[in-house]
């Protein structure tokens, strides 16, 4: 049984797919080998097939590409305002704060409190 490799980088998995695909290994076998070495829940067979199609269509890069996604709505200013409200009222709840910060989604307030202020 091969040794298991924990926490592989995405580019490592894609490189493996690219290499095995170049050797004409079938998608199901590539998925089986990846699951055997890297873990069963790392990548679905459908995602392996997607990468094989991409490589066959000329996609060459295995590294993550920079994306120009949506900018974060969590700003330093907003975090300071939420922090101030939490310090003013230790019985702070997300529901009560959503009335105060009515333009900010509850999920954003929750992330600020649990990830940025804790």
C-alpha atoms as a PDB file:
ATOM      1  CA  UNK A   1       0.000   0.000   0.000  1.00  0.00           C
ATOM      2  CA  UNK A   2       1.423   3.414  -0.959  1.00  0.00           C
ATOM      3  CA  UNK A   3       2.282   5.935   1.697  1.00  0.00           C
ATOM      4  CA  UNK A   4      -0.439   8.565   2.208  1.00  0.00           C
ATOM      5  CA  UNK A   5       0.406  12.204   1.503  1.00  0.00           C
ATOM      6  CA  UNK A   6      -1.493  14.660   3.699  1.00  0.00           C
ATOM      7  CA  UNK A   7      -2.503  18.206   2.722  1.00  0.00           C
ATOM      8  CA  UNK A   8      -1.201  18.254  -0.852  1.00  0.00           C
ATOM      9  CA  UNK A   9      -1.191  21.542  -2.724  1.00  0.00           C
ATOM     10  CA  UNK A  10      -3.823  21.914  -5.443  1.00  0.00           C
ATOM     11  CA  UNK A  11      -1.084  22.294  -8.040  1.00  0.00           C
ATOM     12  CA  UNK A  12       0.393  18.941  -6.944  1.00  0.00           C
ATOM     13  CA  UNK A  13      -2.903  17.165  -7.617  1.00  0.00           C
ATOM     14  CA  UNK A  14      -3.350  18.904 -10.964  1.00  0.00           C
ATOM     15  CA  UNK A  15       0.236  18.036 -11.925  1.00  0.00           C
ATOM     16  CA  UNK A  16      -0.480  14.410 -11.121  1.00  0.00           C
ATOM     17  CA  UNK A  17      -3.618  14.490 -13.272  1.00  0.00           C
ATOM     18  CA  UNK A  18      -1.718  16.153 -16.126  1.00  0.00           C
ATOM     19  CA  UNK A  19       1.120  13.614 -15.911  1.00  0.00           C
ATOM     20  CA  UNK A  20      -1.115  10.526 -15.776  1.00  0.00           C
ATOM     21  CA  UNK A  21      -3.334  11.926 -18.539  1.00  0.00           C
ATOM     22  CA  UNK A  22      -0.243  12.388 -20.730  1.00  0.00           C
ATOM     23  CA  UNK A  23       0.472   8.684 -20.171  1.00  0.00           C
ATOM     24  CA  UNK A  24      -3.080   7.893 -21.428  1.00  0.00           C
ATOM     25  CA  UNK A  25      -4.318   6.701 -18.041  1.00  0.00           C
ATOM     26  CA  UNK A  26      -8.127   6.704 -17.914  1.00  0.00           C
ATOM     27  CA  UNK A  27      -9.953   9.213 -15.679  1.00  0.00           C
ATOM     28  CA  UNK A  28     -11.356   6.533 -13.372  1.00  0.00           C
ATOM     29  CA  UNK A  29      -7.880   5.100 -12.816  1.00  0.00           C
ATOM     30  CA  UNK A  30      -6.405   8.562 -12.207  1.00  0.00           C
ATOM     31  CA  UNK A  31      -9.111   9.195  -9.620  1.00  0.00           C
ATOM     32  CA  UNK A  32      -8.459   5.827  -7.990  1.00  0.00           C
ATOM     33  CA  UNK A  33      -4.723   6.508  -7.743  1.00  0.00           C
ATOM     34  CA  UNK A  34      -5.210  10.034  -6.391  1.00  0.00           C
ATOM     35  CA  UNK A  35      -7.683   8.743  -3.799  1.00  0.00           C
ATOM     36  CA  UNK A  36      -5.286   5.974  -2.808  1.00  0.00           C
ATOM     37  CA  UNK A  37      -2.342   8.315  -2.217  1.00  0.00           C
ATOM     38  CA  UNK A  38      -3.939  11.617  -1.207  1.00  0.00           C
ATOM     39  CA  UNK A  39      -7.187  10.494   0.433  1.00  0.00           C
ATOM     40  CA  UNK A  40     -10.622   9.473  -0.748  1.00  0.00           C
ATOM     41  CA  UNK A  41     -12.398  12.795  -0.327  1.00  0.00           C
ATOM     42  CA  UNK A  42      -9.790  15.024  -1.919  1.00  0.00           C
ATOM     43  CA  UNK A  43     -11.278  15.238  -5.410  1.00  0.00           C
ATOM     44  CA  UNK A  44     -14.286  13.721  -7.122  1.00  0.00           C
ATOM     45  CA  UNK A  45     -13.968  11.705 -10.307  1.00  0.00           C
ATOM     46  CA  UNK A  46     -16.018  14.400 -12.056  1.00  0.00           C
ATOM     47  CA  UNK A  47     -13.446  17.030 -11.100  1.00  0.00           C
ATOM     48  CA  UNK A  48     -10.656  14.785 -12.378  1.00  0.00           C
ATOM     49  CA  UNK A  49     -12.533  14.545 -15.687  1.00  0.00           C
ATOM     50  CA  UNK A  50     -12.925  18.351 -15.738  1.00  0.00           C
ATOM     51  CA  UNK A  51      -9.147  18.805 -15.363  1.00  0.00           C
ATOM     52  CA  UNK A  52      -8.450  16.182 -18.028  1.00  0.00           C
ATOM     53  CA  UNK A  53     -10.722  18.073 -20.451  1.00  0.00           C
ATOM     54  CA  UNK A  54      -8.981  21.337 -19.566  1.00  0.00           C
ATOM     55  CA  UNK A  55      -5.543  19.843 -20.223  1.00  0.00           C
ATOM     56  CA  UNK A  56      -6.730  18.326 -23.500  1.00  0.00           C
ATOM     57  CA  UNK A  57      -8.118  21.755 -24.494  1.00  0.00           C
ATOM     58  CA  UNK A  58      -4.679  23.280 -24.046  1.00  0.00           C
ATOM     59  CA  UNK A  59      -4.773  24.447 -20.433  1.00  0.00           C
ATOM     60  CA  UNK A  60      -1.144  24.336 -19.296  1.00  0.00           C
ATOM     61  CA  UNK A  61      -1.027  25.965 -15.860  1.00  0.00           C
ATOM     62  CA  UNK A  62      -1.416  23.837 -12.768  1.00  0.00           C
ATOM     63  CA  UNK A  63      -0.991  26.707 -10.295  1.00  0.00           C
ATOM     64  CA  UNK A  64      -3.893  28.769  -8.982  1.00  0.00           C
ATOM     65  CA  UNK A  65      -4.494  31.833 -11.097  1.00  0.00           C
ATOM     66  CA  UNK A  66      -5.090  35.223  -9.539  1.00  0.00           C
ATOM     67  CA  UNK A  67      -8.756  36.094  -9.606  1.00  0.00           C
ATOM     68  CA  UNK A  68     -10.205  39.554  -9.578  1.00  0.00           C
ATOM     69  CA  UNK A  69     -13.119  38.622  -7.396  1.00  0.00           C
ATOM     70  CA  UNK A  70     -15.428  40.713  -5.329  1.00  0.00           C
ATOM     71  CA  UNK A  71     -13.653  42.832  -2.731  1.00  0.00           C
ATOM     72  CA  UNK A  72     -14.321  42.039   0.891  1.00  0.00           C
ATOM     73  CA  UNK A  73     -17.059  43.998   2.611  1.00  0.00           C
ATOM     74  CA  UNK A  74     -15.236  43.530   5.905  1.00  0.00           C
ATOM     75  CA  UNK A  75     -13.202  46.682   6.289  1.00  0.00           C
ATOM     76  CA  UNK A  76     -11.085  47.872   9.211  1.00  0.00           C
ATOM     77  CA  UNK A  77     -13.591  50.657   9.794  1.00  0.00           C
ATOM     78  CA  UNK A  78     -16.520  48.229   9.999  1.00  0.00           C
ATOM     79  CA  UNK A  79     -14.585  45.909  12.327  1.00  0.00           C
ATOM     80  CA  UNK A  80     -13.805  48.844  14.633  1.00  0.00           C
ATOM     81  CA  UNK A  81     -17.461  49.902  14.726  1.00  0.00           C
ATOM     82  CA  UNK A  82     -18.636  46.365  15.513  1.00  0.00           C
ATOM     83  CA  UNK A  83     -15.905  45.979  18.140  1.00  0.00           C
ATOM     84  CA  UNK A  84     -17.003  49.219  19.779  1.00  0.00           C
ATOM     85  CA  UNK A  85     -20.624  48.010  19.937  1.00  0.00           C
ATOM     86  CA  UNK A  86     -19.552  44.670  21.416  1.00  0.00           C
ATOM     87  CA  UNK A  87     -17.526  46.438  24.110  1.00  0.00           C
ATOM     88  CA  UNK A  88     -20.447  48.771  24.892  1.00  0.00           C
ATOM     89  CA  UNK A  89     -22.884  45.895  25.276  1.00  0.00           C
ATOM     90  CA  UNK A  90     -21.555  42.503  26.351  1.00  0.00           C
ATOM     91  CA  UNK A  91     -25.025  41.005  25.729  1.00  0.00           C
ATOM     92  CA  UNK A  92     -24.410  41.681  22.058  1.00  0.00           C
ATOM     93  CA  UNK A  93     -26.250  39.425  19.598  1.00  0.00           C
ATOM     94  CA  UNK A  94     -26.059  39.231  15.847  1.00  0.00           C
ATOM     95  CA  UNK A  95     -29.825  39.851  15.654  1.00  0.00           C
ATOM     96  CA  UNK A  96     -29.662  43.033  17.723  1.00  0.00           C
ATOM     97  CA  UNK A  97     -26.605  44.258  15.842  1.00  0.00           C
ATOM     98  CA  UNK A  98     -28.300  43.775  12.482  1.00  0.00           C
ATOM     99  CA  UNK A  99     -30.693  46.575  13.474  1.00  0.00           C
ATOM    100  CA  UNK A 100     -27.751  48.848  14.156  1.00  0.00           C
ATOM    101  CA  UNK A 101     -25.820  47.833  11.032  1.00  0.00           C
ATOM    102  CA  UNK A 102     -28.820  47.487   8.723  1.00  0.00           C
ATOM    103  CA  UNK A 103     -26.749  47.644   5.521  1.00  0.00           C
ATOM    104  CA  UNK A 104     -24.507  44.768   6.617  1.00  0.00           C
ATOM    105  CA  UNK A 105     -25.594  41.145   6.190  1.00  0.00           C
ATOM    106  CA  UNK A 106     -25.922  39.028   9.326  1.00  0.00           C
ATOM    107  CA  UNK A 107     -23.420  36.551   7.921  1.00  0.00           C
ATOM    108  CA  UNK A 108     -20.848  39.351   7.582  1.00  0.00           C
ATOM    109  CA  UNK A 109     -21.460  40.472  11.175  1.00  0.00           C
ATOM    110  CA  UNK A 110     -21.109  36.877  12.325  1.00  0.00           C
ATOM    111  CA  UNK A 111     -17.774  36.519  10.485  1.00  0.00           C
ATOM    112  CA  UNK A 112     -16.489  39.752  11.998  1.00  0.00           C
ATOM    113  CA  UNK A 113     -17.373  38.680  15.528  1.00  0.00           C
ATOM    114  CA  UNK A 114     -16.195  35.072  15.253  1.00  0.00           C
ATOM    115  CA  UNK A 115     -13.168  35.363  12.964  1.00  0.00           C
ATOM    116  CA  UNK A 116     -11.813  38.874  13.338  1.00  0.00           C
ATOM    117  CA  UNK A 117     -12.631  39.947  16.900  1.00  0.00           C
ATOM    118  CA  UNK A 118     -12.165  36.696  18.789  1.00  0.00           C
END
